[in-house]
C-alpha cells in the first residue's frame, strides 16, 4: 500500500493539529490533475440544474473532508452569502424572459428566467471556487512541476510558486509581525502615526525577504540545471495498478458524461423561456456517472477508512 503516514502535521508542522490524510492526494499526479481538470471544466460549462447541484454538493463535501471546520466556516461565511447576493443581483439588471413575476416601480420586469439564470450563474461561480480550493490542497507544487517541468520548465516553476505565494507569505508576515510585537513595533501598538510607521516597516521587511527569497530560489534552480534539455530528476511518483484502475474508471465516467453532453442531456435554455430536455434513461445514466465522478475522492476516502478500521479491529 502506497499511502505513507495516515496522519500529517498541521501548518508548518509546529504545534499543528494532527489531521487525517486524504487518500486521493496519494494517487499519481496524472490522476489528480486529470480529475480536477475534468470537474473544473464540467463545472464551468454545464448549466443544467441537476449537474450543478451534484457538482456543488460534491465539491463542498470534498472540501470539508480536506479542510474540516475551516472549510465549513469558509463556505458558510463567504461562499453562501456570495451565492445569494449574485443570485439576487442578476434580476435587477437582466430583464429577459417571458415569465414575468412582477414589476419594479420604474417599470422594469422581474422574470422567472432571469432569477433562475442568476441562481445558475452564482452556483457555477461558487462551485468553481470550491473545486479550486480542493485543487490547491491536493495538487502540490512538486506534483505540478513533475507533470509540466519538462514541457514548460519556466512557466511551471512560476505557476507553482504563485500557488504557494498567498499561504506562504501570509505565514511569513505573521512571523514578522509577532517578532516586531515583542519589541513594541507591531502595527497594532501605539498612536495612529506610530502604527502606520510600524506597518510600513513590517511591509518593508516582508518585501526584502520576498526579493531575497526569489533570488535565492532562482540561483538554486539555475545551479541545479533546471530547464536544461538533458537534465534528469528524481521522483517518488509511480503509476501503479491502483492508479491505473482509478484512471480507467474515471475515463469511463468522463466519456459517458461527454456522450450525454453530445446528446444534449446536459444542456438547458434559459431565454426567452426555460427549456430542458425530457428525462430519459440515458439522461439518468449520465447524472449517475457525473455524481460518481464528482464523488470519486470521497468514495475512495470512505473505502480506505473502512479498510483501515477493518485492519485495526483485527490487531
Protein backbone atom coordinates (compact mmCIF):
# COMPACT_ATOMS: atom_id res chain seq x y z
CA UNK A 1 0.00 0.00 0.00
CA UNK A 2 1.43 3.37 -1.04
CA UNK A 3 -0.14 5.73 1.47
CA UNK A 4 2.73 6.78 3.70
CA UNK A 5 1.65 8.04 7.08
CA UNK A 6 -2.04 8.12 7.80
CA UNK A 7 -1.67 11.41 9.64
CA UNK A 8 0.11 14.64 8.85
CA UNK A 9 1.02 17.65 10.90
CA UNK A 10 -0.80 20.94 10.69
CA UNK A 11 0.60 24.17 9.21
CA UNK A 12 4.40 24.42 9.37
CA UNK A 13 4.48 21.19 11.37
CA UNK A 14 4.85 23.15 14.65
CA UNK A 15 2.15 22.56 17.19
CA UNK A 16 -0.12 21.61 14.34
CA UNK A 17 -3.23 19.60 14.84
CA UNK A 18 -2.95 16.07 13.52
CA UNK A 19 -5.28 15.76 10.53
CA UNK A 20 -6.29 12.59 8.70
CA UNK A 21 -4.52 12.33 5.38
CA UNK A 22 -6.58 12.40 2.20
CA UNK A 23 -6.29 9.15 0.25
CA UNK A 24 -6.97 10.68 -3.16
CA UNK A 25 -3.97 13.01 -2.81
CA UNK A 26 -1.69 9.96 -2.60
CA UNK A 27 -2.54 8.96 -6.16
CA UNK A 28 -0.29 9.75 -9.11
CA UNK A 29 -0.23 13.43 -10.20
CA UNK A 30 -1.69 12.47 -13.59
CA UNK A 31 -4.77 11.04 -11.86
CA UNK A 32 -5.15 14.09 -9.60
CA UNK A 33 -4.69 16.61 -12.41
CA UNK A 34 -6.98 14.79 -14.85
CA UNK A 35 -9.70 14.60 -12.22
CA UNK A 36 -9.61 18.30 -11.33
CA UNK A 37 -9.32 19.31 -14.97
CA UNK A 38 -12.49 17.35 -15.71
CA UNK A 39 -14.59 18.55 -12.76
CA UNK A 40 -13.48 22.17 -13.20
CA UNK A 41 -14.18 22.11 -16.93
CA UNK A 42 -17.58 20.49 -16.45
CA UNK A 43 -18.37 22.87 -13.59
CA UNK A 44 -17.69 25.88 -15.81
CA UNK A 45 -19.61 24.52 -18.81
CA UNK A 46 -22.68 22.68 -17.56
CA UNK A 47 -25.61 24.86 -16.51
CA UNK A 48 -28.08 22.02 -16.05
CA UNK A 49 -29.58 22.29 -12.53
CA UNK A 50 -29.12 18.59 -11.71
CA UNK A 51 -25.48 18.60 -12.76
CA UNK A 52 -24.81 21.89 -10.96
CA UNK A 53 -26.35 20.58 -7.75
CA UNK A 54 -24.26 17.40 -7.99
CA UNK A 55 -21.05 19.34 -8.60
CA UNK A 56 -21.67 21.90 -5.83
CA UNK A 57 -22.59 19.30 -3.19
CA UNK A 58 -19.65 17.08 -4.16
CA UNK A 59 -17.19 19.99 -4.06
CA UNK A 60 -18.42 21.08 -0.62
CA UNK A 61 -18.25 17.51 0.71
CA UNK A 62 -14.69 17.04 -0.53
CA UNK A 63 -13.55 20.45 0.75
CA UNK A 64 -14.90 19.59 4.21
CA UNK A 65 -13.12 16.23 4.09
CA UNK A 66 -9.87 18.02 3.20
CA UNK A 67 -10.03 21.05 5.49
CA UNK A 68 -12.57 20.16 8.17
CA UNK A 69 -14.11 23.01 10.17
CA UNK A 70 -12.11 25.60 8.29
CA UNK A 71 -13.90 24.65 5.07
CA UNK A 72 -17.30 24.71 6.77
CA UNK A 73 -16.64 28.17 8.15
CA UNK A 74 -15.40 29.45 4.77
CA UNK A 75 -18.38 28.01 2.88
CA UNK A 76 -20.94 29.45 5.31
CA UNK A 77 -19.37 32.86 5.94
CA UNK A 78 -18.14 33.72 2.44
CA UNK A 79 -19.48 31.46 -0.29
CA UNK A 80 -23.12 31.13 0.81
CA UNK A 81 -23.66 34.92 1.06
CA UNK A 82 -21.83 35.33 -2.27
CA UNK A 83 -24.16 32.82 -3.90
CA UNK A 84 -27.27 34.55 -2.55
CA UNK A 85 -26.08 38.06 -3.43
CA UNK A 86 -25.17 37.13 -7.00
CA UNK A 87 -28.48 35.32 -7.45
CA UNK A 88 -30.41 38.40 -6.26
CA UNK A 89 -28.40 40.96 -8.23
CA UNK A 90 -28.93 39.37 -11.65
CA UNK A 91 -32.71 40.04 -11.90
CA UNK A 92 -32.03 43.71 -11.12
CA UNK A 93 -30.11 44.14 -14.36
CA UNK A 94 -31.32 41.26 -16.54
CA UNK A 95 -34.98 41.58 -17.53
CA UNK A 96 -35.07 38.98 -20.31
CA UNK A 97 -37.61 36.17 -20.21
CA UNK A 98 -41.29 35.67 -20.90
CA UNK A 99 -42.49 34.62 -17.43
CA UNK A 100 -42.99 37.97 -15.69
CA UNK A 101 -43.45 37.71 -11.93
CA UNK A 102 -43.81 41.40 -11.02
CA UNK A 103 -42.64 44.89 -11.95
CA UNK A 104 -40.35 47.35 -10.20
CA UNK A 105 -41.57 50.87 -9.60
CA UNK A 106 -39.53 52.05 -12.58
CA UNK A 107 -41.41 49.63 -14.83
CA UNK A 108 -38.67 47.02 -15.28
CA UNK A 109 -39.99 43.44 -15.06
CA UNK A 110 -38.62 40.66 -12.89
CA UNK A 111 -38.81 37.38 -14.75
CA UNK A 112 -38.56 33.80 -13.59
CA UNK A 113 -35.93 33.13 -16.25
CA UNK A 114 -33.63 35.89 -15.01
CA UNK A 115 -33.91 34.66 -11.41
CA UNK A 116 -33.10 31.06 -12.33
CA UNK A 117 -30.27 32.20 -14.58
CA UNK A 118 -28.82 34.21 -11.67
CA UNK A 119 -29.04 31.18 -9.40
CA UNK A 120 -27.34 29.05 -12.06
CA UNK A 121 -24.53 31.55 -12.68
CA UNK A 122 -23.85 32.09 -8.97
CA UNK A 123 -23.86 28.34 -8.31
CA UNK A 124 -21.38 27.84 -11.13
CA UNK A 125 -19.10 30.55 -9.74
CA UNK A 126 -19.16 29.20 -6.19
CA UNK A 127 -18.69 25.61 -7.37
CA UNK A 128 -15.55 26.52 -9.30
CA UNK A 129 -14.12 28.34 -6.26
CA UNK A 130 -14.70 25.32 -4.01
CA UNK A 131 -13.17 22.95 -6.55
CA UNK A 132 -10.13 25.21 -6.83
CA UNK A 133 -9.72 25.13 -3.06
CA UNK A 134 -9.66 21.34 -3.25
CA UNK A 135 -7.20 21.52 -6.15
CA UNK A 136 -4.81 23.68 -4.14
CA UNK A 137 -4.93 21.19 -1.26
CA UNK A 138 -4.25 18.13 -3.43
CA UNK A 139 -2.09 19.36 -6.34
CA UNK A 140 1.09 20.46 -4.59
CA UNK A 141 3.88 22.34 -6.36
CA UNK A 142 6.06 19.24 -6.70
CA UNK A 143 3.22 17.42 -8.48
CA UNK A 144 2.71 20.30 -10.90
CA UNK A 145 6.43 20.56 -11.65
CA UNK A 146 6.58 16.79 -12.15
CA UNK A 147 3.83 16.99 -14.79
CA UNK A 148 4.89 20.11 -16.68
CA UNK A 149 8.53 20.66 -15.70
CA UNK A 150 9.89 19.15 -18.91
CA UNK A 151 7.36 20.68 -21.29
CA UNK A 152 7.43 24.23 -19.90
CA UNK A 153 10.00 24.44 -17.10
CA UNK A 154 9.96 28.21 -16.56
CA UNK A 155 6.17 28.56 -16.65
CA UNK A 156 5.57 25.54 -14.41
CA UNK A 157 8.03 26.88 -11.83
CA UNK A 158 6.44 30.35 -11.85
CA UNK A 159 2.94 28.88 -11.60
CA UNK A 160 3.85 26.55 -8.75
CA UNK A 161 5.46 29.45 -6.87
CA UNK A 162 2.36 31.59 -7.47
CA UNK A 163 0.14 28.91 -5.93
CA UNK A 164 2.30 28.98 -2.81
CA UNK A 165 2.53 32.77 -2.70
CA UNK A 166 -0.52 33.65 -0.61
CA UNK A 167 -0.30 31.00 2.19
CA UNK A 168 3.49 31.18 2.46
CA UNK A 169 3.73 34.95 2.55
CA UNK A 170 0.77 35.16 4.88
CA UNK A 171 2.54 32.93 7.41
CA UNK A 172 5.77 34.87 6.93
CA UNK A 173 4.19 38.25 7.57
CA UNK A 174 2.57 36.84 10.73
CA UNK A 175 6.00 35.73 11.95
CA UNK A 176 7.49 39.16 11.23
CA UNK A 177 4.56 40.86 12.97
CA UNK A 178 4.96 38.68 16.07
CA UNK A 179 8.69 39.42 16.18
CA UNK A 180 8.06 43.17 15.90
CA UNK A 181 5.37 42.98 18.57
CA UNK A 182 7.90 41.64 21.08
CA UNK A 183 9.88 44.89 20.79
CA UNK A 184 6.83 47.17 20.70
CA UNK A 185 6.82 47.80 16.94
CA UNK A 186 3.67 46.00 15.85
CA UNK A 187 1.07 47.68 13.63
CA UNK A 188 -1.47 47.37 16.46
CA UNK A 189 0.61 49.25 19.03
CA UNK A 190 0.94 52.98 19.72
CA UNK A 191 -0.66 56.01 18.13
CA UNK A 192 -2.08 56.08 14.63
CA UNK A 193 1.11 57.59 13.22
CA UNK A 194 3.28 55.05 15.03
CA UNK A 195 1.09 52.14 13.90
CA UNK A 196 1.35 53.34 10.30
CA UNK A 197 5.14 53.60 10.61
CA UNK A 198 5.32 50.12 12.17
CA UNK A 199 3.12 48.69 9.43
CA UNK A 200 5.35 50.19 6.74
CA UNK A 201 8.40 48.73 8.49
CA UNK A 202 6.81 45.26 8.56
CA UNK A 203 5.90 45.57 4.89
CA UNK A 204 9.45 46.65 4.08
CA UNK A 205 10.91 43.65 5.91
CA UNK A 206 8.47 41.39 4.11
CA UNK A 207 9.34 42.85 0.69
CA UNK A 208 13.07 42.49 1.35
CA UNK A 209 12.63 38.87 2.40
CA UNK A 210 10.47 38.13 -0.65
CA UNK A 211 13.05 39.58 -3.06
CA UNK A 212 15.93 37.73 -1.40
CA UNK A 213 13.95 34.51 -1.40
CA UNK A 214 13.14 34.91 -5.11
CA UNK A 215 16.82 35.49 -5.95
CA UNK A 216 17.93 32.51 -3.86
CA UNK A 217 15.31 30.30 -5.50
CA UNK A 218 16.38 31.41 -8.99
CA UNK A 219 20.08 30.82 -8.23
CA UNK A 220 19.32 27.44 -6.67
CA UNK A 221 17.26 26.25 -9.64
CA UNK A 222 19.88 27.53 -12.10
CA UNK A 223 22.71 25.77 -10.27
CA UNK A 224 20.72 22.53 -10.38
CA UNK A 225 20.33 22.81 -14.14
CA UNK A 226 16.58 23.32 -14.06
CA UNK A 227 15.20 23.62 -17.58
CA UNK A 228 18.21 22.12 -19.37
CA UNK A 229 17.24 19.59 -22.06
CA UNK A 230 19.38 16.70 -20.76
CA UNK A 231 18.69 17.26 -17.08
CA UNK A 232 17.44 14.27 -15.10
CA UNK A 233 15.34 14.49 -11.97
CA UNK A 234 14.40 12.24 -9.10
CA UNK A 235 10.75 11.49 -8.48
CA UNK A 236 8.89 9.35 -5.96
CA UNK A 237 5.77 9.15 -8.14
CA UNK A 238 4.98 5.80 -9.72
CA UNK A 239 1.95 4.97 -11.86
CA UNK A 240 0.98 1.63 -10.31
CA UNK A 241 -2.02 -0.67 -10.67
CA UNK A 242 -4.08 1.33 -8.19
CA UNK A 243 -3.60 4.46 -10.30
CA UNK A 244 -4.41 2.56 -13.49
CA UNK A 245 -7.67 1.25 -12.06
CA UNK A 246 -8.88 4.64 -10.82
CA UNK A 247 -7.78 6.36 -14.03
CA UNK A 248 -9.67 3.78 -16.11
CA UNK A 249 -12.85 4.23 -14.05
CA UNK A 250 -12.51 7.99 -14.23
CA UNK A 251 -12.01 7.88 -18.01
CA UNK A 252 -15.16 5.79 -18.48
CA UNK A 253 -17.21 8.20 -16.36
CA UNK A 254 -15.87 11.22 -18.25
CA UNK A 255 -16.62 9.53 -21.58
CA UNK A 256 -20.22 8.87 -20.51
CA UNK A 257 -20.69 12.46 -19.36
CA UNK A 258 -19.27 13.75 -22.66
CA UNK A 259 -21.59 11.43 -24.58
CA UNK A 260 -24.50 12.88 -22.63
CA UNK A 261 -23.34 16.40 -23.48
CA UNK A 262 -23.15 15.48 -27.18
CA UNK A 263 -26.71 14.09 -26.97
CA UNK A 264 -27.99 17.26 -25.29
CA UNK A 265 -28.71 15.66 -21.92
CA UNK A 266 -26.56 18.22 -20.08
CA UNK A 267 -27.96 21.41 -21.62
CA UNK A 268 -30.60 23.93 -20.60
CA UNK A 269 -32.03 27.03 -22.26
CA UNK A 270 -32.95 29.98 -20.05
CA UNK A 271 -34.06 32.61 -22.58
CA UNK A 272 -36.54 33.50 -23.84
CA UNK A 273 -38.16 30.65 -21.89
CA UNK A 274 -36.77 27.80 -19.83
CA UNK A 275 -36.40 24.61 -21.79
CA UNK A 276 -35.00 21.28 -20.60
CA UNK A 277 -34.74 18.01 -22.41
CA UNK A 278 -37.14 15.39 -21.10
CA UNK A 279 -35.59 12.98 -18.63
CA UNK A 280 -34.67 9.70 -20.27
CA UNK A 281 -32.96 6.51 -19.17
CA UNK A 282 -29.75 7.65 -20.81
CA UNK A 283 -30.06 11.03 -19.08
CA UNK A 284 -30.37 9.35 -15.69
CA UNK A 285 -27.28 7.27 -16.51
CA UNK A 286 -25.40 10.49 -17.30
CA UNK A 287 -26.47 12.03 -13.98
CA UNK A 288 -25.33 8.94 -12.08
CA UNK A 289 -22.00 8.91 -13.94
CA UNK A 290 -21.44 12.58 -13.17
CA UNK A 291 -22.26 12.04 -9.49
CA UNK A 292 -19.87 9.09 -9.36
CA UNK A 293 -17.14 11.22 -10.96
CA UNK A 294 -17.60 14.17 -8.62
CA UNK A 295 -17.83 11.96 -5.52
CA UNK A 296 -14.89 9.77 -6.53
CA UNK A 297 -12.37 11.23 -3.99
CA UNK A 298 -14.90 11.00 -1.17
CA UNK A 299 -15.72 7.40 -2.12
CA UNK A 300 -12.02 6.49 -2.16
CA UNK A 301 -11.58 8.02 1.29
CA UNK A 302 -14.58 6.12 2.69
CA UNK A 303 -13.31 2.83 1.27
CA UNK A 304 -9.84 3.41 2.71
CA UNK A 305 -11.34 4.30 6.10
CA UNK A 306 -13.30 1.06 6.08
CA UNK A 307 -10.15 -0.89 5.22
CA UNK A 308 -8.24 0.88 7.97
CA UNK A 309 -10.90 0.13 10.58
CA UNK A 310 -11.05 -3.49 9.44
CA UNK A 311 -7.28 -3.86 9.83
CA UNK A 312 -7.27 -2.05 13.17
CA UNK A 313 -10.04 -4.29 14.53
CA UNK A 314 -8.01 -7.41 13.72
CA UNK A 315 -4.90 -6.22 15.55
